[in-house]
Protein backbone atom coordinates (compact mmCIF):
# COMPACT_ATOMS: atom_id res chain seq x y z
CA MET A 1 102.17 120.22 121.57
CA GLU A 2 98.84 118.44 121.24
CA ALA A 3 98.46 116.27 118.14
CA SER A 4 95.52 118.41 117.00
CA GLU A 5 97.84 121.44 116.92
CA THR A 6 100.64 119.64 115.08
CA THR A 7 101.07 119.40 111.30
CA VAL A 8 103.16 116.56 109.85
CA LEU A 9 104.46 116.58 106.28
CA VAL A 10 104.50 113.14 104.62
CA THR A 11 106.38 112.97 101.32
CA GLY A 12 105.29 110.60 98.57
CA ALA A 13 101.77 110.40 99.99
CA SER A 14 100.49 107.84 97.48
CA GLY A 15 103.12 105.24 98.38
CA PHE A 16 102.42 102.02 100.28
CA ILE A 17 104.25 102.97 103.50
CA ALA A 18 103.30 106.65 103.27
CA MET A 19 99.58 105.88 103.07
CA HIS A 20 99.75 103.84 106.28
CA CYS A 21 101.74 106.63 107.95
CA ILE A 22 99.07 109.14 106.97
CA LEU A 23 96.25 106.88 108.16
CA GLN A 24 97.87 106.33 111.57
CA LEU A 25 98.67 110.03 111.97
CA LEU A 26 95.06 110.96 111.25
CA GLU A 27 93.81 108.28 113.64
CA ARG A 28 96.00 109.83 116.36
CA GLY A 29 94.62 113.31 115.76
CA TYR A 30 97.42 114.95 113.77
CA LYS A 31 97.03 117.33 110.85
CA VAL A 32 98.70 115.89 107.75
CA ARG A 33 100.06 117.48 104.60
CA GLY A 34 100.97 115.00 101.89
CA THR A 35 103.09 115.62 98.81
CA LEU A 36 102.16 114.21 95.42
CA ARG A 37 104.03 114.26 92.14
CA GLU A 38 100.75 113.76 90.26
CA PRO A 39 97.87 115.91 91.59
CA ALA A 40 95.33 113.66 89.87
CA ARG A 41 95.90 111.09 92.63
CA GLU A 42 94.40 113.28 95.34
CA ALA A 43 90.78 112.34 94.69
CA GLY A 44 91.53 108.63 94.87
CA LEU A 45 93.53 109.02 98.07
CA ARG A 46 90.78 110.97 99.79
CA LYS A 47 88.32 108.26 98.81
CA THR A 48 90.63 105.59 100.23
CA PHE A 49 91.13 107.35 103.57
CA ALA A 50 87.40 108.11 103.82
CA LYS A 51 86.78 104.34 104.10
CA HIS A 52 88.63 104.39 107.44
CA LEU A 53 87.85 107.78 109.01
CA SER A 54 86.49 111.26 108.41
CA ALA A 55 89.45 113.65 108.33
CA ASP A 56 89.19 115.86 105.25
CA ASP A 57 89.53 118.92 107.46
CA ARG A 58 92.92 117.68 108.74
CA LEU A 59 94.31 116.40 105.45
CA GLU A 60 95.76 118.46 102.61
CA PHE A 61 97.86 117.69 99.56
CA LEU A 62 100.24 119.70 97.42
CA THR A 63 102.23 118.93 94.31
CA THR A 64 106.02 118.67 94.48
CA ASP A 65 108.78 116.79 92.69
CA LEU A 66 111.96 115.37 94.22
CA LEU A 67 113.85 116.52 91.12
CA LYS A 68 112.75 120.16 91.43
CA GLU A 69 113.57 122.90 93.93
CA GLU A 70 110.15 124.53 93.72
CA GLY A 71 107.51 123.85 96.31
CA TRP A 72 109.48 122.43 99.22
CA ASP A 73 109.55 125.63 101.29
CA ASP A 74 105.77 125.76 100.99
CA ALA A 75 105.56 122.06 101.84
CA VAL A 76 107.32 122.41 105.22
CA GLU A 77 105.63 125.68 106.21
CA ARG A 78 104.07 125.40 109.70
CA CYS A 79 105.10 121.72 109.93
CA THR A 80 106.55 120.46 113.21
CA TYR A 81 107.68 117.12 111.77
CA VAL A 82 108.48 115.62 108.38
CA LEU A 83 108.20 111.96 107.47
CA HIS A 84 110.32 111.65 104.35
CA VAL A 85 109.01 108.46 102.81
CA ALA A 86 109.18 109.33 99.11
CA SER A 87 111.79 107.50 97.06
CA PRO A 88 111.75 105.96 93.58
CA PHE A 89 111.20 102.19 93.69
CA PRO A 90 110.90 100.96 90.06
CA ARG A 91 109.49 97.55 89.24
CA GLN A 92 112.12 97.19 86.50
CA PRO A 93 115.80 98.21 86.71
CA PRO A 94 116.37 101.72 85.24
CA LYS A 95 118.40 102.21 82.07
CA HIS A 96 121.08 104.03 84.08
CA GLU A 97 121.68 104.05 87.84
CA ASP A 98 121.82 107.86 87.93
CA ASP A 99 118.13 107.97 86.97
CA ILE A 100 117.21 106.66 90.41
CA ILE A 101 120.25 107.68 92.50
CA ASN A 102 119.96 111.38 91.66
CA THR A 103 116.25 111.39 92.44
CA ALA A 104 116.73 109.73 95.84
CA ARG A 105 119.85 111.60 96.98
CA LYS A 106 119.15 115.09 95.64
CA GLY A 107 115.48 114.86 96.59
CA THR A 108 116.40 113.97 100.17
CA LEU A 109 118.78 116.93 100.42
CA ARG A 110 116.15 119.31 99.04
CA ILE A 111 113.69 118.23 101.72
CA LEU A 112 116.26 118.43 104.54
CA LYS A 113 117.39 121.90 103.48
CA ALA A 114 113.81 123.13 103.42
CA ALA A 115 113.13 121.53 106.80
CA ALA A 116 116.23 123.07 108.38
CA SER A 117 115.39 126.57 107.16
CA GLY A 118 111.69 126.10 107.94
CA ASN A 119 112.16 125.37 111.66
CA VAL A 120 111.00 121.75 111.43
CA ARG A 121 111.78 120.00 114.70
CA ARG A 122 112.58 116.51 113.39
CA VAL A 123 112.70 114.55 110.13
CA VAL A 124 112.10 110.81 110.10
CA MET A 125 113.49 109.27 106.93
CA THR A 126 112.56 105.94 105.37
CA SER A 127 115.68 104.04 104.33
CA THR A 128 115.98 100.24 103.95
CA ILE A 129 117.36 97.32 105.92
CA ALA A 130 119.64 96.76 102.92
CA ALA A 131 121.53 99.92 103.93
CA ILE A 132 122.66 97.89 106.95
CA PHE A 133 123.97 94.69 105.36
CA LYS A 134 124.09 94.75 101.53
CA GLY A 135 127.43 94.14 99.85
CA HIS A 136 129.11 92.30 102.73
CA GLU A 137 130.65 88.87 102.41
CA HIS A 138 128.36 86.02 103.38
CA ASP A 139 128.72 85.22 107.07
CA ASP A 140 125.90 83.27 108.73
CA THR A 141 127.35 83.97 112.17
CA LYS A 142 127.25 87.77 112.03
CA VAL A 143 124.29 89.68 113.45
CA PHE A 144 123.96 93.07 111.74
CA ASN A 145 122.76 96.12 113.66
CA GLU A 146 122.45 99.88 113.23
CA ASP A 147 126.21 100.42 113.55
CA ASP A 148 126.75 98.50 110.30
CA TRP A 149 126.65 100.10 106.87
CA ALA A 150 126.20 98.43 103.51
CA THR A 151 128.91 98.80 100.91
CA THR A 152 128.38 99.98 97.34
CA ASP A 153 131.69 98.57 96.06
CA GLN A 154 129.91 95.79 94.16
CA ASP A 155 126.72 95.46 92.12
CA ILE A 156 123.94 95.46 94.72
CA GLY A 157 121.20 96.90 92.51
CA ASP A 158 120.41 100.49 91.60
CA TYR A 159 117.54 100.81 94.09
CA TYR A 160 119.57 99.68 97.09
CA LYS A 161 122.48 101.85 96.04
CA SER A 162 120.19 104.88 95.77
CA LYS A 163 118.79 104.30 99.27
CA ILE A 164 122.24 103.84 100.82
CA LEU A 165 123.65 106.99 99.21
CA ALA A 166 120.55 108.99 100.10
CA GLU A 167 120.73 107.96 103.75
CA ARG A 168 124.45 108.71 103.98
CA ALA A 169 123.86 112.11 102.41
CA ALA A 170 121.11 112.80 104.95
CA TRP A 171 123.34 112.05 107.94
CA ASP A 172 126.20 114.09 106.47
CA PHE A 173 123.91 117.06 105.90
CA VAL A 174 122.32 117.03 109.35
CA ASN A 175 125.68 116.59 111.07
CA SER A 176 127.04 119.62 109.21
CA LEU A 177 124.31 121.98 110.44
CA GLN A 178 125.15 124.65 112.99
CA GLY A 179 123.41 127.45 114.85
CA ASP A 180 119.74 128.07 114.20
CA ASP A 181 119.56 125.49 111.40
CA ILE A 182 120.08 122.46 113.66
CA LEU A 183 117.68 119.68 112.69
CA GLU A 184 116.98 116.33 114.35
CA LEU A 185 117.02 113.21 112.17
CA ALA A 186 115.90 109.64 112.80
CA VAL A 187 115.97 106.88 110.19
CA ILE A 188 113.77 103.81 109.87
CA ASN A 189 115.37 100.89 107.98
CA PRO A 190 112.50 98.52 107.10
CA GLY A 191 112.82 95.05 105.66
CA VAL A 192 110.66 93.68 102.84
CA THR A 193 107.33 95.30 103.65
CA LEU A 194 104.18 93.20 103.55
CA GLY A 195 100.76 93.70 105.15
CA PRO A 196 97.43 95.13 103.93
CA ILE A 197 97.22 97.33 100.85
CA LEU A 198 94.76 100.23 101.11
CA ASN A 199 93.98 100.48 97.41
CA ASP A 200 95.00 98.77 94.17
CA HIS A 201 98.34 100.60 94.19
CA PHE A 202 101.00 98.57 95.99
CA SER A 203 104.75 98.64 96.28
CA THR A 204 107.35 96.44 94.66
CA SER A 205 107.54 94.57 97.97
CA GLY A 206 103.99 93.38 97.35
CA GLU A 207 104.86 92.13 93.88
CA LEU A 208 106.04 88.81 95.35
CA VAL A 209 102.71 88.04 97.06
CA CYS A 210 100.82 89.16 93.96
CA ARG A 211 102.87 86.87 91.71
CA LEU A 212 102.50 83.92 94.07
CA MET A 213 98.72 84.32 94.25
CA ARG A 214 98.46 84.71 90.49
CA ARG A 215 100.89 81.79 90.02
CA LYS A 216 103.09 83.93 87.80
CA ILE A 217 106.21 82.15 89.05
CA PRO A 218 106.77 78.37 88.87
CA GLY A 219 108.17 77.99 92.38
CA CYS A 220 110.19 79.56 95.17
CA PRO A 221 113.90 80.36 94.84
CA ASP A 222 115.96 79.74 97.97
CA ILE A 223 116.05 83.42 98.95
CA ARG A 224 115.44 84.85 102.42
CA TRP A 225 114.68 88.41 103.48
CA PRO A 226 114.03 90.17 106.77
CA VAL A 227 110.34 91.12 106.59
CA VAL A 228 107.99 93.53 108.36
CA ASP A 229 104.32 94.52 108.40
CA VAL A 230 103.58 97.92 106.84
CA ARG A 231 101.45 98.85 109.88
CA ASP A 232 104.47 98.27 112.11
CA VAL A 233 106.65 100.37 109.80
CA ALA A 234 104.20 103.26 110.07
CA ASP A 235 104.03 102.86 113.84
CA ALA A 236 107.84 103.00 114.00
CA HIS A 237 107.90 106.23 111.99
CA ILE A 238 105.49 107.96 114.36
CA ALA A 239 107.29 106.68 117.46
CA ALA A 240 110.63 107.89 116.04
CA MET A 241 108.96 111.23 115.38
CA ILE A 242 107.91 111.94 118.97
CA ILE A 243 110.19 109.93 121.28
CA PRO A 244 113.11 112.19 122.32
CA GLU A 245 115.67 109.35 122.49
CA ALA A 246 115.09 108.49 118.81
CA ALA A 247 116.88 111.60 117.55
CA GLY A 248 120.18 110.84 115.84
CA LYS A 249 119.53 107.11 115.54
CA ARG A 250 118.83 104.48 112.88
CA PHE A 251 116.40 101.64 113.54
CA CYS A 252 116.41 98.14 112.05
CA CYS A 253 112.71 97.60 111.39
CA ALA A 254 112.20 93.91 110.60
CA ILE A 255 111.55 90.55 112.16
CA GLU A 256 113.10 87.20 111.33
CA ASN A 257 114.77 86.28 108.06
CA THR A 258 112.06 84.64 105.98
CA ARG A 259 112.21 82.32 102.99
CA ILE A 260 110.00 82.98 99.98
CA GLN A 261 108.77 79.42 100.43
CA ASP A 262 107.58 80.27 103.98
CA ILE A 263 105.45 83.06 102.54
CA ALA A 264 104.09 80.75 99.84
CA LEU A 265 103.18 78.05 102.36
CA ILE A 266 101.22 80.57 104.46
CA LEU A 267 99.36 81.78 101.36
CA ALA A 268 98.58 78.19 100.35
CA LYS A 269 97.31 77.37 103.84
CA HIS A 270 94.85 80.28 103.86
CA PHE A 271 93.87 80.68 100.22
CA LYS A 272 94.20 77.32 98.45
CA GLY A 273 90.65 76.39 99.46
CA ARG A 274 89.42 79.59 97.81
CA GLY A 275 90.78 78.72 94.38
CA TYR A 276 94.31 80.15 94.61
CA ASN A 277 96.86 77.58 93.46
CA ILE A 278 99.98 78.90 95.19
CA PRO A 279 103.34 77.48 93.98
CA THR A 280 105.18 76.16 97.04
CA ARG A 281 107.95 73.95 95.65
CA MET A 282 111.54 75.07 96.09
CA LEU A 283 113.28 75.88 92.81
CA PRO A 284 116.75 74.36 92.34
CA ASN A 285 119.46 76.99 92.50
CA ILE A 286 120.78 75.92 89.10
CA LEU A 287 117.51 76.99 87.45
CA VAL A 288 117.66 80.40 89.09
CA ARG A 289 121.29 80.84 88.03
CA PHE A 290 120.38 79.89 84.44
CA ARG A 291 117.60 82.49 84.32
CA ALA A 292 120.04 85.08 85.68
CA LEU A 293 122.14 84.67 82.52
CA TYR A 294 119.55 86.62 80.52
CA ASN A 295 117.48 88.41 83.20
CA LYS A 296 119.03 91.42 84.99
CA THR A 297 116.55 91.40 87.86
CA THR A 298 117.20 87.71 88.63
CA ARG A 299 120.94 88.36 88.35
CA LEU A 300 120.76 90.68 91.35
CA VAL A 301 119.43 87.97 93.68
CA VAL A 302 121.77 85.14 92.66
CA LYS A 303 124.27 86.17 95.34
CA ASP A 304 121.50 85.83 97.94
CA LEU A 305 120.64 82.21 97.11
CA GLY A 306 120.79 80.16 100.32
CA ARG A 307 122.05 83.14 102.31
CA CYS A 308 120.62 83.87 105.76
CA THR A 309 121.21 87.40 107.04
CA HIS A 310 120.67 87.97 110.75
CA ILE A 311 119.41 91.38 111.91
CA SER A 312 119.11 92.67 115.48
CA ASN A 313 115.94 94.63 116.24
CA GLU A 314 116.75 95.21 119.91
CA ARG A 315 117.18 98.97 119.52
CA ILE A 316 113.77 99.57 117.94
CA LYS A 317 112.09 97.42 120.59
CA ASN A 318 113.86 99.11 123.47
CA ILE A 319 113.72 102.75 122.38
CA LEU A 320 110.50 102.85 120.35
CA ASN A 321 108.67 100.16 122.35
CA TRP A 322 108.08 98.38 119.04
CA LYS A 323 105.89 95.27 119.07
CA PRO A 324 105.85 93.77 115.57
CA ARG A 325 103.21 91.51 114.08
CA THR A 326 103.98 87.93 113.06
CA LEU A 327 104.87 86.72 109.59
CA GLU A 328 101.52 84.96 109.24
CA GLU A 329 99.59 88.12 110.19
CA MET A 330 101.31 90.26 107.56
CA VAL A 331 101.13 87.67 104.76
CA VAL A 332 97.45 86.86 105.29
CA ALA A 333 96.57 90.56 105.58
CA MET A 334 98.28 91.29 102.28
CA GLY A 335 96.59 88.38 100.56
CA GLU A 336 93.12 89.29 101.87
CA SER A 337 93.52 92.95 100.92
CA MET A 338 94.74 92.07 97.41
CA ILE A 339 91.57 90.04 96.90
CA GLU A 340 89.44 92.83 98.34
CA GLN A 341 91.06 95.43 96.08
CA GLY A 342 90.73 93.27 92.97
CA VAL A 343 94.48 92.94 92.47
CA VAL A 344 94.27 89.12 92.34
């Protein structure tokens, strides 16, 4: 089918990754239906997209909630594809893990059930690179790939646990389908997602760059993450949506393992002369461990101090023809857009 004849449902339309997915879909000629938990956000989103293109006639929104059954059959009606991007990503740990796990897992199953009964061709789900490697013993020699699964046997954080359980539930559900309800599934597992923000609403991934530019942290803990540009994440979703060979596969969507200090040094290089005093010194591990004694969020990253996790992105390059941007491109783009949007 031509893109102009194809409607794509994007869940969680106001999210950082979802907004870039919508923008790229519209740029490629698709019709897009976005779901919102708060209908009041529609006006702001339309204003944001209008800065990049004129597509009001191909863009619609409706109100749904991952915790409620109502509305999902209407959401998938006449949709050929679904990009399931919505998932709770709190800036502070929840009071109880079930608050986030139930939302992610049950919400995913609601969407998949509606898609299967609504004759959707394929769902592309946003998971996380942590669903590949979290919880494993530290081994600098191992290269993780899509055949690996994280373990939830230890405390890995409520958010990561929710994403892992939601992705496992998705694969179990799709693999159990038979007859007319057969549904294709592909999963994108992005790393820490940087790159340009489209409005003043940004994800928890962007909190690091924001804090560095505001100098809200004294220095850089020795922590490394696989990172990726949000534009490349959106591109991967659309490629996984239309490329036949993507069905039934997961995709590690990240480039090299990157230290927080590397990000800070790039920000300092490009923005120090404009009045941004970026902290670039490496914090001693003992200071981070001390803070973890009374800070739950810091406690979750203590196990990652000095750890380097290697990820293979060969599958996404080979099957989706993925050509990611560099670390410097994504960091500078996020910094520039945060200034433009008045965030820093």
